[in-house]
Amino acid sequence: MGIFLFAVSGDLRARPAATNPKPTNPRPKTAAETYKNVQVLLKDVPADDLIPAMQFITASLGVECDFCHVRDAFDKR
């Protein structure tokens, strides 16, 4: 017959059963779900990232928005 030794650490008090909390960060809407006429290039980008992405593209190309879009009607082109 042997002697069995073991160590226990941590809190051994009873804990309530875990509940399924609602997710705090639901999937953000994509640009295609939020804006009209978003095409292939940025369709799956989160909507909050669309404008910064467009600003990056205009700065990289050295052009203004109306180079690609109709001024004051960005969904037209």
N, C-alpha and C. Protein backbone atom coordinates (compact mmCIF):
# COMPACT_ATOMS: atom_id res chain seq x y z
N MET A 1 0.84 -1.15 0.00
CA MET A 1 0.00 0.00 0.00
C MET A 1 0.90 1.23 0.00
N GLY A 2 0.58 2.21 -0.83
CA GLY A 2 1.43 3.38 -0.94
C GLY A 2 0.76 4.61 -0.34
N ILE A 3 1.55 5.63 -0.22
CA ILE A 3 1.05 6.91 0.29
C ILE A 3 0.94 7.85 -0.89
N PHE A 4 -0.19 8.47 -1.05
CA PHE A 4 -0.41 9.40 -2.14
C PHE A 4 -0.43 10.81 -1.59
N LEU A 5 0.42 11.64 -2.13
CA LEU A 5 0.46 13.04 -1.73
C LEU A 5 0.08 13.89 -2.94
N PHE A 6 -0.68 14.90 -2.70
CA PHE A 6 -0.98 15.83 -3.78
C PHE A 6 -1.16 17.21 -3.18
N ALA A 7 -0.96 18.20 -4.01
CA ALA A 7 -1.07 19.58 -3.56
C ALA A 7 -2.24 20.24 -4.29
N VAL A 8 -2.92 21.10 -3.59
CA VAL A 8 -4.04 21.83 -4.17
C VAL A 8 -3.73 23.31 -3.98
N SER A 9 -3.89 24.04 -5.04
CA SER A 9 -3.69 25.49 -4.92
C SER A 9 -4.90 26.20 -5.50
N GLY A 10 -5.07 27.41 -5.10
CA GLY A 10 -6.18 28.20 -5.62
C GLY A 10 -7.36 28.21 -4.68
N ASP A 11 -8.40 28.82 -5.12
CA ASP A 11 -9.61 29.00 -4.33
C ASP A 11 -10.52 27.79 -4.54
N LEU A 12 -10.88 27.11 -3.48
CA LEU A 12 -11.69 25.91 -3.58
C LEU A 12 -13.16 26.17 -3.28
N ARG A 13 -13.53 27.43 -3.08
CA ARG A 13 -14.93 27.75 -2.81
C ARG A 13 -15.77 27.52 -4.06
N ALA A 14 -17.02 27.24 -3.84
CA ALA A 14 -17.93 27.00 -4.96
C ALA A 14 -18.08 28.29 -5.76
N ARG A 15 -18.12 28.14 -7.05
CA ARG A 15 -18.29 29.29 -7.94
C ARG A 15 -19.60 29.13 -8.69
N PRO A 16 -20.27 30.22 -9.00
CA PRO A 16 -21.51 30.10 -9.77
C PRO A 16 -21.21 29.58 -11.17
N ALA A 17 -22.16 28.90 -11.73
CA ALA A 17 -21.99 28.38 -13.09
C ALA A 17 -21.79 29.54 -14.05
N ALA A 18 -20.93 29.33 -15.01
CA ALA A 18 -20.66 30.37 -16.00
C ALA A 18 -21.90 30.59 -16.86
N THR A 19 -22.19 31.83 -17.13
CA THR A 19 -23.29 32.15 -18.03
C THR A 19 -22.70 32.59 -19.35
N ASN A 20 -23.50 32.59 -20.35
CA ASN A 20 -23.03 33.02 -21.66
C ASN A 20 -23.31 34.51 -21.82
N PRO A 21 -22.30 35.35 -21.52
CA PRO A 21 -22.54 36.80 -21.67
C PRO A 21 -22.65 37.16 -23.14
N LYS A 22 -23.36 38.24 -23.40
CA LYS A 22 -23.47 38.71 -24.78
C LYS A 22 -22.09 39.21 -25.22
N PRO A 23 -21.74 38.97 -26.48
CA PRO A 23 -20.43 39.46 -26.94
C PRO A 23 -20.38 40.98 -26.86
N THR A 24 -19.26 41.50 -26.40
CA THR A 24 -19.12 42.95 -26.27
C THR A 24 -18.74 43.60 -27.59
N ASN A 25 -18.14 42.85 -28.48
CA ASN A 25 -17.74 43.38 -29.78
C ASN A 25 -18.38 42.56 -30.90
N PRO A 26 -19.62 42.86 -31.25
CA PRO A 26 -20.20 42.13 -32.37
C PRO A 26 -19.43 42.48 -33.65
N ARG A 27 -19.58 41.65 -34.64
CA ARG A 27 -18.87 41.87 -35.91
C ARG A 27 -19.23 43.24 -36.46
N PRO A 28 -18.22 44.07 -36.75
CA PRO A 28 -18.52 45.40 -37.29
C PRO A 28 -19.08 45.29 -38.70
N LYS A 29 -19.91 46.26 -39.08
CA LYS A 29 -20.45 46.28 -40.44
C LYS A 29 -19.31 46.53 -41.42
N THR A 30 -19.43 45.91 -42.58
CA THR A 30 -18.43 46.14 -43.63
C THR A 30 -18.79 47.42 -44.38
N ALA A 31 -17.84 47.90 -45.16
CA ALA A 31 -18.08 49.10 -45.96
C ALA A 31 -19.23 48.88 -46.93
N ALA A 32 -19.33 47.68 -47.51
CA ALA A 32 -20.40 47.39 -48.46
C ALA A 32 -21.77 47.41 -47.78
N GLU A 33 -21.83 47.05 -46.49
CA GLU A 33 -23.09 47.07 -45.76
C GLU A 33 -23.49 48.49 -45.34
N THR A 34 -22.53 49.37 -45.25
CA THR A 34 -22.78 50.72 -44.73
C THR A 34 -22.92 51.77 -45.83
N TYR A 35 -22.09 51.70 -46.85
CA TYR A 35 -22.06 52.71 -47.90
C TYR A 35 -22.65 52.16 -49.19
N LYS A 36 -23.20 53.07 -50.00
CA LYS A 36 -23.74 52.68 -51.30
C LYS A 36 -22.60 52.49 -52.30
N ASN A 37 -22.77 51.53 -53.17
CA ASN A 37 -21.92 51.35 -54.35
C ASN A 37 -20.44 51.13 -54.03
N VAL A 38 -20.14 50.42 -52.96
CA VAL A 38 -18.75 50.08 -52.68
C VAL A 38 -18.42 48.86 -53.54
N GLN A 39 -17.37 48.97 -54.31
CA GLN A 39 -17.01 47.92 -55.25
C GLN A 39 -16.05 46.92 -54.62
N VAL A 40 -15.38 46.16 -55.44
CA VAL A 40 -14.56 45.03 -55.01
C VAL A 40 -13.40 45.43 -54.10
N LEU A 41 -12.71 46.50 -54.38
CA LEU A 41 -11.47 46.84 -53.69
C LEU A 41 -11.60 46.89 -52.17
N LEU A 42 -12.59 47.57 -51.66
CA LEU A 42 -12.72 47.76 -50.21
C LEU A 42 -14.04 47.22 -49.68
N LYS A 43 -14.64 46.29 -50.37
CA LYS A 43 -15.97 45.79 -50.00
C LYS A 43 -16.01 45.14 -48.63
N ASP A 44 -15.00 44.35 -48.27
CA ASP A 44 -15.01 43.61 -47.01
C ASP A 44 -14.29 44.32 -45.88
N VAL A 45 -13.86 45.54 -46.10
CA VAL A 45 -13.17 46.33 -45.06
C VAL A 45 -14.22 46.80 -44.05
N PRO A 46 -13.92 46.81 -42.75
CA PRO A 46 -14.87 47.38 -41.79
C PRO A 46 -15.19 48.83 -42.17
N ALA A 47 -16.45 49.20 -42.00
CA ALA A 47 -16.91 50.53 -42.41
C ALA A 47 -16.09 51.65 -41.79
N ASP A 48 -15.65 51.47 -40.54
CA ASP A 48 -14.85 52.51 -39.88
C ASP A 48 -13.48 52.69 -40.52
N ASP A 49 -13.04 51.74 -41.31
CA ASP A 49 -11.73 51.82 -41.94
C ASP A 49 -11.79 52.34 -43.38
N LEU A 50 -12.99 52.54 -43.92
CA LEU A 50 -13.11 52.94 -45.32
C LEU A 50 -12.52 54.32 -45.58
N ILE A 51 -12.91 55.32 -44.82
CA ILE A 51 -12.42 56.68 -45.07
C ILE A 51 -10.91 56.78 -44.87
N PRO A 52 -10.33 56.22 -43.79
CA PRO A 52 -8.87 56.24 -43.70
C PRO A 52 -8.18 55.53 -44.87
N ALA A 53 -8.78 54.46 -45.36
CA ALA A 53 -8.21 53.76 -46.51
C ALA A 53 -8.26 54.65 -47.76
N MET A 54 -9.36 55.35 -47.93
CA MET A 54 -9.48 56.26 -49.08
C MET A 54 -8.48 57.41 -48.95
N GLN A 55 -8.30 57.92 -47.75
CA GLN A 55 -7.31 58.98 -47.55
C GLN A 55 -5.90 58.49 -47.85
N PHE A 56 -5.61 57.26 -47.48
CA PHE A 56 -4.30 56.68 -47.79
C PHE A 56 -4.10 56.58 -49.30
N ILE A 57 -5.14 56.14 -50.00
CA ILE A 57 -5.04 56.00 -51.46
C ILE A 57 -4.82 57.35 -52.12
N THR A 58 -5.58 58.39 -51.71
CA THR A 58 -5.41 59.70 -52.33
C THR A 58 -4.03 60.28 -52.03
N ALA A 59 -3.54 60.09 -50.81
CA ALA A 59 -2.21 60.59 -50.46
C ALA A 59 -1.13 59.84 -51.24
N SER A 60 -1.30 58.54 -51.41
CA SER A 60 -0.32 57.74 -52.13
C SER A 60 -0.26 58.11 -53.60
N LEU A 61 -1.42 58.41 -54.18
CA LEU A 61 -1.48 58.77 -55.60
C LEU A 61 -1.20 60.24 -55.85
N GLY A 62 -1.29 61.06 -54.80
CA GLY A 62 -1.07 62.50 -54.95
C GLY A 62 -2.21 63.18 -55.68
N VAL A 63 -3.42 62.66 -55.48
CA VAL A 63 -4.60 63.24 -56.14
C VAL A 63 -5.65 63.55 -55.09
N GLU A 64 -6.72 64.21 -55.50
CA GLU A 64 -7.85 64.49 -54.63
C GLU A 64 -8.96 63.46 -54.90
N CYS A 65 -9.96 63.47 -54.07
CA CYS A 65 -11.05 62.49 -54.18
C CYS A 65 -11.74 62.55 -55.54
N ASP A 66 -11.89 63.79 -56.09
CA ASP A 66 -12.61 63.92 -57.36
C ASP A 66 -11.82 63.38 -58.55
N PHE A 67 -10.63 62.91 -58.34
CA PHE A 67 -9.89 62.22 -59.41
C PHE A 67 -10.62 60.92 -59.77
N CYS A 68 -11.20 60.26 -58.78
CA CYS A 68 -11.92 58.99 -59.00
C CYS A 68 -13.42 59.12 -58.79
N HIS A 69 -13.86 60.11 -58.02
CA HIS A 69 -15.27 60.22 -57.64
C HIS A 69 -15.87 61.52 -58.14
N VAL A 70 -17.19 61.52 -58.30
CA VAL A 70 -17.92 62.74 -58.61
C VAL A 70 -18.02 63.55 -57.32
N ARG A 71 -17.59 64.80 -57.37
CA ARG A 71 -17.59 65.64 -56.18
C ARG A 71 -18.99 65.74 -55.58
N ASP A 72 -19.08 65.59 -54.27
CA ASP A 72 -20.33 65.63 -53.51
C ASP A 72 -21.31 64.52 -53.86
N ALA A 73 -20.87 63.52 -54.60
CA ALA A 73 -21.70 62.35 -54.91
C ALA A 73 -20.76 61.14 -55.05
N PHE A 74 -20.08 60.81 -53.97
CA PHE A 74 -19.03 59.81 -54.01
C PHE A 74 -19.52 58.42 -54.41
N ASP A 75 -20.80 58.14 -54.24
CA ASP A 75 -21.32 56.84 -54.61
C ASP A 75 -21.57 56.70 -56.11
N LYS A 76 -21.41 57.76 -56.89
CA LYS A 76 -21.72 57.74 -58.32
C LYS A 76 -20.60 57.18 -59.18
N ARG A 77 -19.40 57.07 -58.66
CA ARG A 77 -18.32 56.62 -59.54
C ARG A 77 -17.43 55.66 -58.87
